[in-house]
Amino acid sequence: MNKVAVDTNILLYALDDFYPEKQNIAINIIADKPLFCSQSLSEFSNVCLRKWKFPKSKVAELIEMYLNQCIYIPVSESMLLRSIQIMKKHDLQLFDSIIVGSALESGCSILYSEDMDNGLIIDKTLKIVNPF
């Protein structure tokens, strides 16, 4: 079975009933216990707190839920160094490169993301897939 990672938008869509079709897809992806990194967790928390105005207690519950439902990957120094190379080579934003780098370092073959270039293959091993 292939290892799969998710971008922040998958974590957010799983909660967003404004887009029920995307929500269902995101929930199904999360049901397969994907990997996510601390960069995604930070972005997720920021959206929940600042844009959606969730109380901190609700955000804390959601973080705990994702830590239980998914596989959390902390960002290491080697991931950051690899992410910088990915950023330069593929002209990605640093934050996206960190998410890509963590997926690569974790041995993932797929990274689900709505925001990155669908179909892009990084280092001949990781494919970016827009599931929507």
N, C-alpha and C. Protein backbone atom coordinates (compact mmCIF):
# COMPACT_ATOMS: atom_id res chain seq x y z
N MET A 1 0.84 -1.19 0.00
CA MET A 1 0.00 0.00 0.00
C MET A 1 0.88 1.25 0.00
N ASN A 2 0.54 2.22 -0.81
CA ASN A 2 1.31 3.45 -0.93
C ASN A 2 1.07 4.35 0.27
N LYS A 3 2.15 5.00 0.71
CA LYS A 3 2.00 6.02 1.74
C LYS A 3 1.48 7.29 1.09
N VAL A 4 0.56 7.96 1.79
CA VAL A 4 -0.08 9.16 1.27
C VAL A 4 0.06 10.28 2.28
N ALA A 5 0.33 11.48 1.79
CA ALA A 5 0.38 12.67 2.64
C ALA A 5 -0.70 13.64 2.18
N VAL A 6 -1.06 14.54 3.08
CA VAL A 6 -2.08 15.54 2.74
C VAL A 6 -1.56 16.95 3.00
N ASP A 7 -2.01 17.85 2.15
CA ASP A 7 -1.77 19.27 2.31
C ASP A 7 -2.83 19.81 3.28
N THR A 8 -2.62 21.00 3.74
CA THR A 8 -3.51 21.64 4.71
C THR A 8 -4.95 21.68 4.24
N ASN A 9 -5.17 21.93 2.95
CA ASN A 9 -6.55 22.08 2.47
C ASN A 9 -7.38 20.82 2.65
N ILE A 10 -6.77 19.67 2.66
CA ILE A 10 -7.51 18.42 2.90
C ILE A 10 -8.02 18.39 4.34
N LEU A 11 -7.16 18.78 5.28
CA LEU A 11 -7.57 18.84 6.69
C LEU A 11 -8.71 19.82 6.89
N LEU A 12 -8.66 20.94 6.18
CA LEU A 12 -9.70 21.97 6.32
C LEU A 12 -11.01 21.54 5.66
N TYR A 13 -10.93 20.99 4.45
CA TYR A 13 -12.16 20.60 3.76
C TYR A 13 -12.93 19.52 4.52
N ALA A 14 -12.23 18.69 5.27
CA ALA A 14 -12.92 17.65 6.04
C ALA A 14 -13.88 18.24 7.07
N LEU A 15 -13.66 19.50 7.43
CA LEU A 15 -14.50 20.19 8.40
C LEU A 15 -15.50 21.15 7.77
N ASP A 16 -15.33 21.42 6.49
CA ASP A 16 -16.05 22.50 5.83
C ASP A 16 -17.29 21.99 5.11
N ASP A 17 -18.44 22.09 5.77
CA ASP A 17 -19.67 21.60 5.14
C ASP A 17 -20.25 22.57 4.11
N PHE A 18 -19.57 23.69 3.86
CA PHE A 18 -19.98 24.61 2.81
C PHE A 18 -19.72 23.98 1.43
N TYR A 19 -18.76 23.07 1.38
CA TYR A 19 -18.42 22.34 0.16
C TYR A 19 -18.60 20.84 0.42
N PRO A 20 -19.83 20.35 0.44
CA PRO A 20 -20.07 18.95 0.85
C PRO A 20 -19.37 17.90 -0.01
N GLU A 21 -19.24 18.14 -1.31
CA GLU A 21 -18.55 17.17 -2.16
C GLU A 21 -17.07 17.08 -1.79
N LYS A 22 -16.45 18.24 -1.61
CA LYS A 22 -15.04 18.26 -1.21
C LYS A 22 -14.88 17.70 0.20
N GLN A 23 -15.85 18.00 1.06
CA GLN A 23 -15.79 17.49 2.43
C GLN A 23 -15.79 15.96 2.43
N ASN A 24 -16.67 15.35 1.65
CA ASN A 24 -16.74 13.89 1.60
C ASN A 24 -15.44 13.28 1.08
N ILE A 25 -14.87 13.88 0.06
CA ILE A 25 -13.60 13.39 -0.48
C ILE A 25 -12.51 13.50 0.59
N ALA A 26 -12.44 14.64 1.25
CA ALA A 26 -11.42 14.85 2.28
C ALA A 26 -11.60 13.87 3.44
N ILE A 27 -12.82 13.65 3.86
CA ILE A 27 -13.08 12.70 4.94
C ILE A 27 -12.62 11.29 4.56
N ASN A 28 -12.89 10.91 3.31
CA ASN A 28 -12.45 9.58 2.84
C ASN A 28 -10.93 9.46 2.80
N ILE A 29 -10.26 10.52 2.40
CA ILE A 29 -8.79 10.51 2.39
C ILE A 29 -8.27 10.38 3.82
N ILE A 30 -8.83 11.13 4.73
CA ILE A 30 -8.38 11.09 6.12
C ILE A 30 -8.67 9.74 6.77
N ALA A 31 -9.73 9.08 6.34
CA ALA A 31 -10.06 7.76 6.87
C ALA A 31 -8.95 6.74 6.60
N ASP A 32 -8.14 6.99 5.57
CA ASP A 32 -7.03 6.09 5.23
C ASP A 32 -5.74 6.41 5.99
N LYS A 33 -5.84 7.27 7.00
CA LYS A 33 -4.72 7.61 7.90
C LYS A 33 -3.50 8.16 7.16
N PRO A 34 -3.66 9.29 6.47
CA PRO A 34 -2.53 9.88 5.75
C PRO A 34 -1.54 10.55 6.70
N LEU A 35 -0.41 10.92 6.15
CA LEU A 35 0.59 11.67 6.90
C LEU A 35 0.35 13.16 6.72
N PHE A 36 0.69 13.93 7.72
CA PHE A 36 0.72 15.38 7.60
C PHE A 36 1.83 15.91 8.50
N CYS A 37 2.36 17.06 8.13
CA CYS A 37 3.52 17.60 8.86
C CYS A 37 3.14 18.81 9.70
N SER A 38 4.10 19.25 10.49
CA SER A 38 3.86 20.38 11.39
C SER A 38 3.54 21.66 10.62
N GLN A 39 4.03 21.80 9.40
CA GLN A 39 3.69 22.97 8.59
C GLN A 39 2.19 22.98 8.31
N SER A 40 1.64 21.86 7.93
CA SER A 40 0.19 21.77 7.69
C SER A 40 -0.59 22.02 8.97
N LEU A 41 -0.10 21.51 10.07
CA LEU A 41 -0.77 21.72 11.35
C LEU A 41 -0.79 23.20 11.71
N SER A 42 0.30 23.91 11.47
CA SER A 42 0.35 25.35 11.73
C SER A 42 -0.60 26.12 10.83
N GLU A 43 -0.61 25.79 9.56
CA GLU A 43 -1.51 26.46 8.62
C GLU A 43 -2.97 26.17 8.97
N PHE A 44 -3.26 24.93 9.31
CA PHE A 44 -4.61 24.53 9.71
C PHE A 44 -5.07 25.34 10.93
N SER A 45 -4.22 25.41 11.94
CA SER A 45 -4.56 26.15 13.16
C SER A 45 -4.79 27.63 12.87
N ASN A 46 -3.95 28.19 12.02
CA ASN A 46 -4.08 29.60 11.67
C ASN A 46 -5.41 29.90 10.99
N VAL A 47 -5.82 29.05 10.04
CA VAL A 47 -7.10 29.25 9.36
C VAL A 47 -8.26 29.12 10.35
N CYS A 48 -8.20 28.10 11.17
CA CYS A 48 -9.28 27.88 12.15
C CYS A 48 -9.42 29.04 13.12
N LEU A 49 -8.30 29.56 13.58
CA LEU A 49 -8.33 30.64 14.57
C LEU A 49 -8.63 32.00 13.95
N ARG A 50 -7.97 32.32 12.86
CA ARG A 50 -8.07 33.68 12.31
C ARG A 50 -9.20 33.85 11.29
N LYS A 51 -9.34 32.90 10.38
CA LYS A 51 -10.36 33.05 9.34
C LYS A 51 -11.73 32.54 9.81
N TRP A 52 -11.74 31.36 10.39
CA TRP A 52 -12.99 30.76 10.82
C TRP A 52 -13.40 31.18 12.22
N LYS A 53 -12.50 31.84 12.94
CA LYS A 53 -12.78 32.38 14.29
C LYS A 53 -13.21 31.30 15.29
N PHE A 54 -12.64 30.10 15.16
CA PHE A 54 -12.92 29.05 16.14
C PHE A 54 -12.28 29.42 17.46
N PRO A 55 -12.89 29.06 18.57
CA PRO A 55 -12.24 29.26 19.86
C PRO A 55 -11.02 28.33 19.99
N LYS A 56 -10.06 28.75 20.77
CA LYS A 56 -8.83 27.95 20.94
C LYS A 56 -9.13 26.55 21.42
N SER A 57 -10.13 26.41 22.28
CA SER A 57 -10.47 25.08 22.80
C SER A 57 -10.94 24.16 21.67
N LYS A 58 -11.70 24.69 20.71
CA LYS A 58 -12.17 23.91 19.56
C LYS A 58 -10.99 23.51 18.67
N VAL A 59 -10.07 24.45 18.44
CA VAL A 59 -8.89 24.16 17.62
C VAL A 59 -8.05 23.08 18.29
N ALA A 60 -7.90 23.17 19.60
CA ALA A 60 -7.15 22.15 20.33
C ALA A 60 -7.79 20.77 20.16
N GLU A 61 -9.11 20.69 20.23
CA GLU A 61 -9.83 19.42 20.02
C GLU A 61 -9.58 18.89 18.61
N LEU A 62 -9.63 19.79 17.63
CA LEU A 62 -9.42 19.37 16.25
C LEU A 62 -8.00 18.86 16.02
N ILE A 63 -7.04 19.54 16.61
CA ILE A 63 -5.64 19.09 16.50
C ILE A 63 -5.50 17.70 17.09
N GLU A 64 -6.06 17.49 18.28
CA GLU A 64 -5.99 16.17 18.90
C GLU A 64 -6.67 15.11 18.04
N MET A 65 -7.79 15.47 17.43
CA MET A 65 -8.50 14.55 16.55
C MET A 65 -7.60 14.12 15.38
N TYR A 66 -6.96 15.11 14.73
CA TYR A 66 -6.10 14.78 13.60
C TYR A 66 -4.85 14.01 14.03
N LEU A 67 -4.35 14.31 15.20
CA LEU A 67 -3.19 13.55 15.69
C LEU A 67 -3.57 12.08 15.92
N ASN A 68 -4.82 11.82 16.26
CA ASN A 68 -5.30 10.45 16.45
C ASN A 68 -5.70 9.78 15.14
N GLN A 69 -6.20 10.55 14.18
CA GLN A 69 -6.70 9.98 12.93
C GLN A 69 -5.65 9.87 11.82
N CYS A 70 -4.59 10.62 11.94
CA CYS A 70 -3.57 10.67 10.89
C CYS A 70 -2.20 10.35 11.49
N ILE A 71 -1.20 10.39 10.66
CA ILE A 71 0.18 10.19 11.12
C ILE A 71 0.89 11.53 11.04
N TYR A 72 1.33 12.01 12.19
CA TYR A 72 1.97 13.32 12.29
C TYR A 72 3.48 13.18 12.07
N ILE A 73 4.02 14.02 11.22
CA ILE A 73 5.45 14.02 10.91
C ILE A 73 6.04 15.37 11.32
N PRO A 74 6.88 15.41 12.36
CA PRO A 74 7.52 16.68 12.70
C PRO A 74 8.55 17.05 11.62
N VAL A 75 8.72 18.33 11.41
CA VAL A 75 9.68 18.80 10.41
C VAL A 75 11.07 18.82 11.03
N SER A 76 11.98 18.12 10.39
CA SER A 76 13.35 18.04 10.87
C SER A 76 14.27 18.96 10.06
N GLU A 77 15.48 19.09 10.51
CA GLU A 77 16.46 19.91 9.79
C GLU A 77 16.71 19.35 8.39
N SER A 78 16.83 18.03 8.28
CA SER A 78 17.07 17.45 6.95
C SER A 78 15.89 17.69 6.02
N MET A 79 14.67 17.68 6.57
CA MET A 79 13.49 17.99 5.75
C MET A 79 13.54 19.43 5.26
N LEU A 80 13.93 20.34 6.13
CA LEU A 80 14.01 21.75 5.74
C LEU A 80 15.06 21.96 4.66
N LEU A 81 16.19 21.32 4.80
CA LEU A 81 17.24 21.45 3.78
C LEU A 81 16.76 20.88 2.44
N ARG A 82 16.08 19.75 2.49
CA ARG A 82 15.54 19.17 1.26
C ARG A 82 14.44 20.08 0.68
N SER A 83 13.66 20.68 1.55
CA SER A 83 12.58 21.58 1.12
C SER A 83 13.12 22.80 0.39
N ILE A 84 14.24 23.30 0.84
CA ILE A 84 14.85 24.46 0.16
C ILE A 84 15.25 24.08 -1.26
N GLN A 85 15.80 22.89 -1.43
CA GLN A 85 16.18 22.43 -2.76
C GLN A 85 14.94 22.24 -3.64
N ILE A 86 13.87 21.71 -3.07
CA ILE A 86 12.62 21.53 -3.80
C ILE A 86 12.05 22.89 -4.20
N MET A 87 12.09 23.84 -3.29
CA MET A 87 11.59 25.19 -3.57
C MET A 87 12.30 25.78 -4.78
N LYS A 88 13.62 25.67 -4.82
CA LYS A 88 14.38 26.23 -5.92
C LYS A 88 14.15 25.47 -7.23
N LYS A 89 14.16 24.16 -7.15
CA LYS A 89 14.05 23.33 -8.36
C LYS A 89 12.66 23.42 -9.00
N HIS A 90 11.61 23.47 -8.19
CA HIS A 90 10.25 23.41 -8.72
C HIS A 90 9.49 24.73 -8.59
N ASP A 91 10.18 25.77 -8.16
CA ASP A 91 9.60 27.10 -8.04
C ASP A 91 8.32 27.10 -7.19
N LEU A 92 8.39 26.38 -6.05
CA LEU A 92 7.27 26.34 -5.12
C LEU A 92 7.48 27.36 -4.01
N GLN A 93 6.41 27.70 -3.33
CA GLN A 93 6.52 28.53 -2.13
C GLN A 93 7.22 27.69 -1.05
N LEU A 94 7.92 28.36 -0.14
CA LEU A 94 8.65 27.64 0.91
C LEU A 94 7.71 26.75 1.71
N PHE A 95 6.54 27.26 2.09
CA PHE A 95 5.63 26.48 2.93
C PHE A 95 5.15 25.22 2.21
N ASP A 96 4.86 25.34 0.91
CA ASP A 96 4.49 24.16 0.13
C ASP A 96 5.67 23.20 0.02
N SER A 97 6.86 23.74 -0.13
CA SER A 97 8.05 22.91 -0.24
C SER A 97 8.30 22.12 1.04
N ILE A 98 7.98 22.70 2.17
CA ILE A 98 8.13 21.98 3.44
C ILE A 98 7.16 20.80 3.49
N ILE A 99 5.95 21.01 3.04
CA ILE A 99 4.96 19.93 3.01
C ILE A 99 5.42 18.84 2.04
N VAL A 100 5.91 19.23 0.87
CA VAL A 100 6.43 18.27 -0.10
C VAL A 100 7.65 17.55 0.47
N GLY A 101 8.56 18.29 1.06
CA GLY A 101 9.77 17.68 1.63
C GLY A 101 9.45 16.67 2.71
N SER A 102 8.48 16.97 3.55
CA SER A 102 8.14 16.02 4.61
C SER A 102 7.50 14.76 4.03
N ALA A 103 6.71 14.92 2.97
CA ALA A 103 6.12 13.75 2.32
C ALA A 103 7.22 12.88 1.69
N LEU A 104 8.18 13.51 1.04
CA LEU A 104 9.29 12.76 0.45
C LEU A 104 10.12 12.05 1.51
N GLU A 105 10.47 12.77 2.55
CA GLU A 105 11.30 12.20 3.62
C GLU A 105 10.58 11.05 4.32
N SER A 106 9.26 11.05 4.26
CA SER A 106 8.48 10.00 4.92
C SER A 106 8.17 8.83 3.99
N GLY A 107 8.64 8.91 2.76
CA GLY A 107 8.46 7.82 1.81
C GLY A 107 7.09 7.76 1.15
N CYS A 108 6.41 8.89 1.07
CA CYS A 108 5.09 8.93 0.44
C CYS A 108 5.23 8.92 -1.08
N SER A 109 4.22 8.34 -1.73
CA SER A 109 4.20 8.35 -3.19
C SER A 109 3.15 9.32 -3.73
N ILE A 110 2.21 9.74 -2.86
CA ILE A 110 1.16 10.68 -3.26
C ILE A 110 1.04 11.77 -2.20
N LEU A 111 0.88 13.00 -2.67
CA LEU A 111 0.54 14.13 -1.81
C LEU A 111 -0.74 14.73 -2.35
N TYR A 112 -1.81 14.63 -1.58
CA TYR A 112 -3.08 15.22 -1.99
C TYR A 112 -3.07 16.70 -1.66
N SER A 113 -3.33 17.52 -2.68
CA SER A 113 -3.35 18.97 -2.51
C SER A 113 -4.20 19.60 -3.61
N GLU A 114 -5.01 20.54 -3.20
CA GLU A 114 -5.79 21.29 -4.18
C GLU A 114 -4.97 22.45 -4.74
N ASP A 115 -3.98 22.91 -3.98
CA ASP A 115 -3.29 24.15 -4.30
C ASP A 115 -2.01 23.99 -5.12
N MET A 116 -1.46 22.80 -5.17
CA MET A 116 -0.21 22.62 -5.91
C MET A 116 -0.50 22.10 -7.30
N ASP A 117 0.51 22.02 -8.12
CA ASP A 117 0.39 21.65 -9.53
C ASP A 117 -0.01 20.18 -9.67
N ASN A 118 -1.28 19.93 -10.02
CA ASN A 118 -1.79 18.57 -10.16
C ASN A 118 -0.98 17.79 -11.18
N GLY A 119 -0.54 16.61 -10.77
CA GLY A 119 0.23 15.74 -11.66
C GLY A 119 1.73 15.93 -11.58
N LEU A 120 2.19 16.97 -10.90
CA LEU A 120 3.62 17.21 -10.77
C LEU A 120 4.27 16.04 -10.02
N ILE A 121 5.37 15.56 -10.56
CA ILE A 121 6.12 14.48 -9.91
C ILE A 121 7.43 15.08 -9.40
N ILE A 122 7.68 14.88 -8.13
CA ILE A 122 8.87 15.44 -7.48
C ILE A 122 9.84 14.29 -7.19
N ASP A 123 11.08 14.48 -7.58
CA ASP A 123 12.16 13.51 -7.35
C ASP A 123 11.80 12.10 -7.82
N LYS A 124 11.01 12.01 -8.85
CA LYS A 124 10.63 10.74 -9.47
C LYS A 124 9.89 9.79 -8.53
N THR A 125 9.44 10.30 -7.36
CA THR A 125 8.79 9.40 -6.40
C THR A 125 7.48 9.91 -5.83
N LEU A 126 7.29 11.22 -5.79
CA LEU A 126 6.09 11.80 -5.16
C LEU A 126 5.25 12.51 -6.21
N LYS A 127 3.99 12.09 -6.31
CA LYS A 127 3.07 12.72 -7.27
C LYS A 127 2.08 13.60 -6.51
N ILE A 128 1.92 14.84 -6.98
CA ILE A 128 0.93 15.74 -6.43
C ILE A 128 -0.40 15.43 -7.12
N VAL A 129 -1.44 15.19 -6.32
CA VAL A 129 -2.74 14.82 -6.86
C VAL A 129 -3.81 15.74 -6.26
N ASN A 130 -4.57 16.37 -7.14
CA ASN A 130 -5.72 17.15 -6.71
C ASN A 130 -6.92 16.19 -6.69
N PRO A 131 -7.41 15.83 -5.50
CA PRO A 131 -8.49 14.84 -5.42
C PRO A 131 -9.87 15.40 -5.77
N PHE A 132 -9.93 16.71 -5.98
CA PHE A 132 -11.23 17.35 -6.23
C PHE A 132 -11.45 17.57 -7.71
